[in-house]
Amino acid sequence: MSFDQALSGLNAASRSLDVIGNNIANSGTTGMKSSRAEFSEIYASSAGSIGGTSAGLGVDVQDVAQQFSQGTLTTTGNDLDVAINGAGFFQVKQTDGTTAYTRAGDFKLDKDGNIVTNTNAQLMGYPTTPAGVRTSSSVQPLSLPTGSPIAAKETSKMSADITLDASAAVASTATPPTPLQTYGTSLTAYDPQGLEIPVGLYFTKTANNSWQVYTSVNGSDPSTSTPFTVNFKADGTLDPATPIPSLTLTSPNDPTVTFPVTLDLSKMTQVNSRFAVNALSQDGYTSGSLTGIKIENSGIITATYSNGQTQSAGQLALANFRNVQGLAPTNAGYWVQTAASGQPVTGAPGEGTFGQLQAGALEESNVDLTAELVNMMTTQRAYQANAQTIKTQDQIMSTLVNLR
């Protein structure tokens, strides 16, 4: 009698409905991957039997397999939302110290500046220099300096791109004399504590293709400084043999604190044009607080500060496995490594087979609701058919028992 076959069919259909129900329930879960029940036949084995001549014993759920197809990417505009377009998983360190992997990129900042998930697991990544150069191949928790401002940086070099007027009269022959401040400009440097130091540059023509440069620090009189000479070639470019001395800056907070600054005037020219300041720059800055975050497609986390500085705060790391089907799913949308999945391979987004990141977006669940509803109806009919088989067998048994 086929009670056992029908019972196995009921159990398999019930298990399949559980899987379908879980898929439907998580159709709106970020980064969720759908599953499917995979069935196999059951046959009895006996000595001397010839295959194919006996009826099977029913069906069994061989596996509940996860489907790691790409989910749809939806733009959110949130700075800390990030989606993986391609292969790979975000690596996170859970509160118990264990490592897990996820496709859900809806990250947050905690009170200590750590980038975390909704369960306070810390996002892992590579450390970088402020310029975004990776400094280590070992991953570590990513964090931002939200509790205190970044330290100030004293100015170490300054540059000026200036156009001097070739038709200007030599200062000693001009009538009336050309004031020293006629051709001048200024920029702001910073001492080790981030205090502003006004620096002025003033130019006086002393001969054809030759000018003297006077400097002013902290509002001092430029005429009291020791000038240096810059010479120009016939084509108006700066003579590379011209020595440009370093400037000595003094802190406005403590006159005993001085430090040298390299001055770059290599882009300065002398042409038949009005005096013009084309560009001024220096590499110092005052302290600043975090004002914004941006994640690049390469995984570089760029932080913007109130002092106008933009610095890298690390790079997101991705992990992948030779057998992703071997990962074990856990709560909160995480997977953990198993013997079947193998060891993780880590790398940066876009490297090798790793996918690219899309900032300000999230990966939706890859559940196809239409397909799941069709599967649910099909499985329901299979459940009813197996129940009908049991009913039919019961009727046959009743007929046999009632024979007289």
Protein backbone atom coordinates (compact mmCIF):
# COMPACT_ATOMS: atom_id res chain seq x y z
CA MET A 1 0.00 0.00 0.00
CA SER A 2 1.19 3.57 -0.73
CA PHE A 3 0.60 5.17 2.68
CA ASP A 4 4.35 5.69 3.14
CA GLN A 5 4.83 7.23 -0.30
CA ALA A 6 1.94 9.62 0.25
CA LEU A 7 3.16 10.49 3.74
CA SER A 8 6.63 11.30 2.39
CA GLY A 9 4.96 13.47 -0.25
CA LEU A 10 3.04 15.35 2.43
CA ASN A 11 6.22 15.92 4.43
CA ALA A 12 8.14 17.10 1.34
CA ALA A 13 5.35 19.44 0.24
CA SER A 14 5.10 20.84 3.76
CA ARG A 15 8.86 21.44 3.83
CA SER A 16 8.68 23.12 0.44
CA LEU A 17 5.87 25.38 1.63
CA ASP A 18 8.05 26.37 4.60
CA VAL A 19 10.82 27.41 2.20
CA ILE A 20 8.42 29.31 -0.07
CA GLY A 21 6.83 31.03 2.93
CA ASN A 22 10.25 32.14 4.17
CA ASN A 23 11.09 33.53 0.73
CA ILE A 24 7.84 35.48 0.57
CA ALA A 25 8.23 36.77 4.13
CA ASN A 26 11.71 38.13 3.29
CA SER A 27 10.86 39.60 -0.11
CA GLY A 28 11.57 43.05 1.36
CA THR A 29 14.69 42.11 3.32
CA THR A 30 17.84 43.88 2.11
CA GLY A 31 20.47 41.51 0.70
CA MET A 32 18.34 38.38 1.31
CA LYS A 33 18.93 35.40 -1.00
CA SER A 34 16.02 33.08 -1.77
CA SER A 35 16.10 29.31 -1.25
CA ARG A 36 14.45 26.35 -2.92
CA ALA A 37 13.67 22.82 -1.77
CA GLU A 38 15.37 20.15 -3.89
CA PHE A 39 13.79 16.68 -3.89
CA SER A 40 15.04 13.15 -4.59
CA GLU A 41 13.37 9.76 -4.99
CA ILE A 42 13.60 6.98 -2.38
CA TYR A 43 14.03 3.36 -3.46
CA ALA A 44 14.40 0.15 -1.48
CA SER A 45 17.48 -1.96 -2.02
CA SER A 46 17.26 -5.78 -1.85
CA ALA A 47 19.60 -8.60 -2.81
CA GLY A 48 19.15 -9.84 -6.36
CA SER A 49 16.70 -7.12 -7.35
CA ILE A 50 16.86 -5.64 -10.82
CA GLY A 51 16.68 -1.86 -10.97
CA GLY A 52 13.56 -0.30 -12.38
CA THR A 53 11.24 -3.19 -11.59
CA SER A 54 9.94 -1.94 -8.24
CA ALA A 55 7.95 1.10 -7.26
CA GLY A 56 9.70 3.80 -5.27
CA LEU A 57 9.15 4.43 -1.59
CA GLY A 58 8.41 8.12 -1.95
CA VAL A 59 10.26 11.41 -1.93
CA ASP A 60 12.74 13.13 0.34
CA VAL A 61 13.92 16.77 0.61
CA GLN A 62 17.55 16.33 -0.35
CA ASP A 63 18.61 19.92 0.28
CA VAL A 64 17.40 23.49 0.77
CA ALA A 65 19.67 25.31 -1.66
CA GLN A 66 20.30 29.06 -1.57
CA GLN A 67 20.13 31.06 -4.78
CA PHE A 68 22.91 33.65 -4.91
CA SER A 69 21.69 35.50 -7.99
CA GLN A 70 22.07 39.29 -8.10
CA GLY A 71 19.31 41.31 -6.50
CA THR A 72 18.00 44.58 -7.90
CA LEU A 73 19.93 47.70 -6.81
CA THR A 74 17.75 50.50 -5.47
CA THR A 75 19.06 54.04 -5.00
CA THR A 76 18.50 55.44 -1.49
CA GLY A 77 20.75 58.50 -1.36
CA ASN A 78 21.98 57.54 2.13
CA ASP A 79 25.74 58.13 2.44
CA LEU A 80 26.36 54.89 4.34
CA ASP A 81 24.16 52.66 2.16
CA VAL A 82 26.24 50.60 -0.26
CA ALA A 83 25.40 47.70 -2.57
CA ILE A 84 27.60 45.05 -4.17
CA ASN A 85 27.09 44.72 -7.92
CA GLY A 86 28.67 41.34 -8.58
CA ALA A 87 30.39 38.70 -6.48
CA GLY A 88 31.45 39.07 -2.88
CA PHE A 89 30.22 39.65 0.67
CA PHE A 90 30.77 42.37 3.25
CA GLN A 91 32.83 41.06 6.14
CA VAL A 92 31.63 42.01 9.63
CA LYS A 93 32.84 41.32 13.16
CA GLN A 94 29.94 40.38 15.40
CA THR A 95 29.56 41.47 19.02
CA ASP A 96 30.76 38.04 20.21
CA GLY A 97 33.98 38.42 18.21
CA THR A 98 33.09 35.96 15.45
CA THR A 99 33.23 36.82 11.75
CA ALA A 100 30.16 36.79 9.53
CA TYR A 101 29.38 37.76 5.96
CA THR A 102 26.45 39.68 4.52
CA ARG A 103 25.12 41.29 1.33
CA ALA A 104 23.09 43.87 3.26
CA GLY A 105 24.87 47.24 3.02
CA ASP A 106 22.62 49.38 5.23
CA PHE A 107 25.38 50.54 7.58
CA LYS A 108 25.29 53.08 10.40
CA LEU A 109 27.70 55.02 12.64
CA ASP A 110 27.69 54.19 16.33
CA LYS A 111 28.54 56.61 19.15
CA ASP A 112 32.24 55.74 18.89
CA GLY A 113 32.43 56.39 15.14
CA ASN A 114 32.49 52.70 14.14
CA ILE A 115 30.69 51.71 10.95
CA VAL A 116 28.24 49.02 12.06
CA THR A 117 25.24 46.97 10.93
CA ASN A 118 21.81 47.03 12.56
CA THR A 119 23.01 44.37 15.03
CA ASN A 120 26.14 46.41 15.94
CA ALA A 121 28.48 44.13 14.00
CA GLN A 122 31.52 46.16 12.85
CA LEU A 123 32.26 46.51 9.16
CA MET A 124 35.75 45.31 8.26
CA GLY A 125 38.14 46.91 5.78
CA TYR A 126 41.70 47.88 4.96
CA PRO A 127 43.55 50.79 6.62
CA THR A 128 44.69 53.56 4.26
CA THR A 129 46.68 56.76 4.30
CA PRO A 130 44.72 60.05 4.20
CA ALA A 131 45.41 60.04 0.46
CA GLY A 132 43.67 56.66 0.05
CA VAL A 133 46.69 54.37 -0.35
CA ARG A 134 46.21 50.97 1.29
CA THR A 135 48.76 50.40 4.06
CA SER A 136 48.02 46.78 5.01
CA SER A 137 46.49 43.62 3.57
CA SER A 138 44.97 42.73 6.96
CA VAL A 139 41.39 43.75 7.61
CA GLN A 140 40.31 45.68 10.68
CA PRO A 141 37.14 47.45 11.89
CA LEU A 142 36.46 50.69 10.04
CA SER A 143 35.84 53.82 12.09
CA LEU A 144 35.68 57.59 11.70
CA PRO A 145 36.83 60.34 14.13
CA THR A 146 33.41 61.55 15.20
CA GLY A 147 34.25 62.11 18.88
CA SER A 148 37.14 64.55 18.40
CA PRO A 149 38.39 66.73 15.54
CA ILE A 150 41.28 65.69 13.34
CA ALA A 151 44.57 67.25 14.40
CA ALA A 152 45.91 70.38 12.75
CA LYS A 153 48.84 70.15 10.33
CA GLU A 154 51.53 72.80 10.11
CA THR A 155 52.38 74.17 6.70
CA SER A 156 55.50 72.63 5.17
CA LYS A 157 55.30 73.91 1.60
CA MET A 158 53.66 76.75 -0.30
CA SER A 159 53.34 77.42 -4.01
CA ALA A 160 52.34 80.43 -6.06
CA ASP A 161 51.45 80.68 -9.75
CA ILE A 162 51.84 84.38 -10.55
CA THR A 163 52.08 86.38 -13.77
CA LEU A 164 54.39 89.43 -13.57
CA ASP A 165 54.08 92.35 -15.99
CA ALA A 166 57.06 92.38 -18.34
CA SER A 167 56.27 96.00 -19.34
CA ALA A 168 56.52 97.25 -15.75
CA ALA A 169 59.13 99.93 -15.17
CA VAL A 170 62.24 99.19 -13.15
CA ALA A 171 61.36 100.38 -9.64
CA SER A 172 64.47 102.56 -9.23
CA THR A 173 63.74 104.49 -12.42
CA ALA A 174 60.00 104.91 -12.04
CA THR A 175 58.62 108.36 -11.37
CA PRO A 176 57.01 108.50 -8.94
CA PRO A 177 58.60 105.44 -7.26
CA THR A 178 56.56 102.25 -7.49
CA PRO A 179 55.16 101.35 -4.03
CA LEU A 180 56.31 97.97 -2.73
CA GLN A 181 52.73 96.72 -2.35
CA THR A 182 51.89 97.37 -6.03
CA TYR A 183 52.65 93.82 -7.07
CA GLY A 184 51.77 91.61 -4.14
CA THR A 185 49.54 88.87 -2.82
CA SER A 186 49.00 86.94 0.40
CA LEU A 187 47.88 83.52 1.61
CA THR A 188 47.28 81.84 4.94
CA ALA A 189 49.61 79.24 6.44
CA TYR A 190 49.15 77.31 9.69
CA ASP A 191 51.34 76.67 12.72
CA PRO A 192 51.52 73.25 14.52
CA GLN A 193 48.39 74.12 16.54
CA GLY A 194 46.41 75.16 13.47
CA LEU A 195 46.62 78.91 14.12
CA GLU A 196 46.52 81.07 11.01
CA ILE A 197 49.71 82.79 9.83
CA PRO A 198 49.22 85.48 7.14
CA VAL A 199 52.07 85.35 4.62
CA GLY A 200 52.57 88.10 2.04
CA LEU A 201 54.67 88.03 -1.17
CA TYR A 202 55.63 91.33 -2.82
CA PHE A 203 57.53 91.78 -6.09
CA THR A 204 59.68 94.71 -7.21
CA LYS A 205 61.29 94.87 -10.66
CA THR A 206 65.02 95.57 -10.33
CA ALA A 207 66.14 95.00 -13.95
CA ASN A 208 64.94 93.47 -17.19
CA ASN A 209 63.90 89.86 -16.45
CA SER A 210 64.85 90.28 -12.80
CA TRP A 211 62.63 90.89 -9.75
CA GLN A 212 63.16 90.98 -6.00
CA VAL A 213 60.72 89.17 -3.67
CA TYR A 214 59.92 90.57 -0.23
CA THR A 215 57.96 88.63 2.37
CA SER A 216 55.67 89.51 5.25
CA VAL A 217 54.78 87.16 8.14
CA ASN A 218 52.01 87.87 10.67
CA GLY A 219 51.47 91.36 9.25
CA SER A 220 55.12 92.47 9.47
CA ASP A 221 56.44 95.26 7.23
CA PRO A 222 57.73 93.56 4.04
CA SER A 223 60.35 96.25 3.53
CA THR A 224 62.15 95.00 6.66
CA SER A 225 62.51 91.46 5.27
CA THR A 226 65.57 90.19 3.42
CA PRO A 227 64.57 89.98 -0.25
CA PHE A 228 65.68 87.33 -2.72
CA THR A 229 65.96 87.63 -6.50
CA VAL A 230 64.07 85.68 -9.20
CA ASN A 231 65.23 85.73 -12.83
CA PHE A 232 63.33 84.93 -16.00
CA LYS A 233 64.46 83.52 -19.33
CA ALA A 234 63.87 85.21 -22.67
CA ASP A 235 60.61 83.31 -23.15
CA GLY A 236 59.25 84.60 -19.85
CA THR A 237 59.54 81.37 -17.85
CA LEU A 238 61.36 81.26 -14.54
CA ASP A 239 65.07 80.53 -14.85
CA PRO A 240 65.47 77.07 -13.23
CA ALA A 241 68.86 78.17 -11.90
CA THR A 242 67.14 80.74 -9.69
CA PRO A 243 67.53 79.71 -6.04
CA ILE A 244 64.31 80.01 -4.02
CA PRO A 245 65.09 80.08 -0.29
CA SER A 246 62.81 78.58 2.34
CA LEU A 247 60.64 80.89 4.40
CA THR A 248 60.75 80.89 8.20
CA LEU A 249 57.31 81.24 9.74
CA THR A 250 56.59 82.24 13.32
CA SER A 251 53.63 81.06 15.37
CA PRO A 252 51.32 83.95 16.34
CA ASN A 253 50.74 82.20 19.67
CA ASP A 254 54.43 81.86 20.62
CA PRO A 255 57.16 83.86 18.84
CA THR A 256 59.73 81.24 19.89
CA VAL A 257 58.01 78.62 17.74
CA THR A 258 59.40 78.86 14.22
CA PHE A 259 59.44 76.38 11.36
CA PRO A 260 60.70 76.38 7.75
CA VAL A 261 58.40 76.31 4.74
CA THR A 262 59.45 75.44 1.19
CA LEU A 263 58.34 78.02 -1.38
CA ASP A 264 57.60 76.83 -4.93
CA LEU A 265 57.55 79.56 -7.60
CA SER A 266 58.31 77.30 -10.58
CA LYS A 267 55.04 78.20 -12.36
CA MET A 268 55.63 81.95 -12.14
CA THR A 269 56.01 83.77 -15.48
CA GLN A 270 56.84 87.23 -16.83
CA VAL A 271 54.87 88.27 -19.91
CA ASN A 272 53.34 91.38 -21.44
CA SER A 273 50.22 91.18 -19.32
CA ARG A 274 48.79 92.76 -16.20
CA PHE A 275 49.95 91.39 -12.87
CA ALA A 276 47.79 88.39 -11.97
CA VAL A 277 47.66 85.79 -9.24
CA ASN A 278 46.62 82.54 -10.93
CA ALA A 279 46.84 80.09 -8.01
CA LEU A 280 48.02 79.92 -4.43
CA SER A 281 48.27 76.79 -2.31
CA GLN A 282 49.76 75.42 0.90
CA ASP A 283 49.53 72.04 2.62
CA GLY A 284 48.63 73.03 6.19
CA TYR A 285 45.24 73.17 7.85
CA THR A 286 43.57 73.79 11.18
CA SER A 287 41.71 71.13 13.16
CA GLY A 288 38.30 70.10 11.86
CA SER A 289 35.24 68.04 12.73
CA LEU A 290 33.59 65.42 10.56
CA THR A 291 30.87 66.88 8.32
CA GLY A 292 30.28 64.24 5.64
CA ILE A 293 31.06 60.74 4.38
CA LYS A 294 31.22 59.32 0.89
CA ILE A 295 31.95 55.76 -0.23
CA GLU A 296 33.58 55.39 -3.65
CA ASN A 297 32.92 52.50 -6.04
CA SER A 298 36.41 51.23 -5.16
CA GLY A 299 35.39 50.97 -1.50
CA ILE A 300 37.44 53.97 -0.35
CA ILE A 301 35.65 55.81 2.46
CA THR A 302 36.19 59.55 2.06
CA ALA A 303 35.53 61.80 5.04
CA THR A 304 34.97 65.56 4.71
CA TYR A 305 35.84 67.88 7.59
CA SER A 306 34.83 71.39 8.63
CA ASN A 307 38.32 72.71 7.83
CA GLY A 308 37.80 71.89 4.15
CA GLN A 309 39.96 68.78 4.21
CA THR A 310 38.98 65.53 2.53
CA GLN A 311 40.72 62.40 3.78
CA SER A 312 40.41 58.67 3.29
CA ALA A 313 39.28 56.73 6.37
CA GLY A 314 39.85 53.22 5.01
CA GLN A 315 38.67 50.89 2.26
CA LEU A 316 35.87 48.34 2.42
CA ALA A 317 37.02 44.74 2.02
CA LEU A 318 35.00 42.06 0.23
CA ALA A 319 35.19 38.32 0.81
CA ASN A 320 34.24 35.44 -1.45
CA PHE A 321 34.23 31.65 -1.29
CA ARG A 322 34.92 28.84 -3.73
CA ASN A 323 31.58 27.26 -2.75
CA VAL A 324 29.09 29.91 -1.64
CA GLN A 325 26.40 27.22 -1.42
CA GLY A 326 28.36 25.82 1.51
CA LEU A 327 27.85 28.95 3.64
CA ALA A 328 25.51 28.51 6.59
CA PRO A 329 22.78 31.17 6.91
CA THR A 330 22.14 32.65 10.37
CA ASN A 331 19.92 35.37 11.80
CA ALA A 332 20.06 39.03 10.70
CA GLY A 333 20.97 38.20 7.11
CA TYR A 334 24.42 36.80 7.93
CA TRP A 335 26.27 33.77 6.60
CA VAL A 336 29.09 32.01 8.40
CA GLN A 337 31.95 29.97 7.03
CA THR A 338 31.74 26.15 7.07
CA ALA A 339 33.98 23.31 5.98
CA ALA A 340 31.87 23.03 2.82
CA SER A 341 32.34 26.69 1.87
CA GLY A 342 36.10 26.68 2.30
CA GLN A 343 38.30 29.54 3.45
CA PRO A 344 37.37 33.11 2.46
CA VAL A 345 39.36 35.03 -0.11
CA THR A 346 39.45 38.77 0.61
CA GLY A 347 40.12 41.69 -1.69
CA ALA A 348 39.03 45.19 -2.64
CA PRO A 349 35.93 45.92 -4.73
CA GLY A 350 36.62 45.65 -8.45
CA GLU A 351 39.76 43.54 -8.00
CA GLY A 352 39.80 40.18 -9.76
CA THR A 353 36.35 38.61 -9.66
CA PHE A 354 35.02 40.87 -6.90
CA GLY A 355 32.06 43.05 -7.79
CA GLN A 356 31.95 46.83 -7.83
CA LEU A 357 30.26 48.87 -5.13
CA GLN A 358 27.44 51.33 -5.69
CA ALA A 359 27.23 53.93 -2.96
CA GLY A 360 23.89 55.38 -1.89
CA ALA A 361 22.10 52.18 -2.93
CA LEU A 362 20.97 48.87 -1.47
CA GLU A 363 20.61 45.41 -2.97
CA GLU A 364 17.05 44.18 -2.70
CA SER A 365 16.06 40.60 -2.01
CA ASN A 366 16.34 38.39 -5.10
CA VAL A 367 12.95 36.79 -4.35
CA ASP A 368 10.66 36.70 -7.41
CA LEU A 369 7.23 37.09 -5.80
CA THR A 370 5.36 36.01 -8.93
CA ALA A 371 7.37 32.81 -9.21
CA GLU A 372 7.01 32.11 -5.49
CA LEU A 373 3.22 32.48 -5.62
CA VAL A 374 3.06 30.07 -8.57
CA ASN A 375 5.31 27.63 -6.70
CA MET A 376 3.08 27.93 -3.65
CA MET A 377 -0.03 27.01 -5.64
CA THR A 378 1.78 24.11 -7.32
CA THR A 379 3.04 22.81 -3.98
CA GLN A 380 -0.41 23.18 -2.47
CA ARG A 381 -1.85 21.02 -5.25
CA ALA A 382 0.88 18.44 -4.66
CA TYR A 383 -0.01 18.40 -0.96
CA GLN A 384 -3.68 17.90 -1.80
CA ALA A 385 -2.83 15.13 -4.27
CA ASN A 386 -0.80 13.25 -1.66
CA ALA A 387 -3.62 13.67 0.85
CA GLN A 388 -6.00 12.28 -1.78
CA THR A 389 -3.69 9.29 -2.24
CA ILE A 390 -3.97 8.51 1.48
CA LYS A 391 -7.75 8.86 1.27
CA THR A 392 -7.90 6.49 -1.70
CA GLN A 393 -5.71 3.94 0.07
CA ASP A 394 -7.97 4.20 3.12
CA GLN A 395 -11.00 3.47 0.94
CA ILE A 396 -9.27 0.42 -0.56
CA MET A 397 -8.33 -0.85 2.89
CA SER A 398 -11.91 -0.33 4.06
CA THR A 399 -13.18 -2.34 1.09
CA LEU A 400 -10.81 -5.21 1.86
CA VAL A 401 -11.74 -5.25 5.55
CA ASN A 402 -15.44 -5.32 4.73
CA LEU A 403 -15.22 -8.29 2.32
CA ARG A 404 -17.45 -11.23 3.38
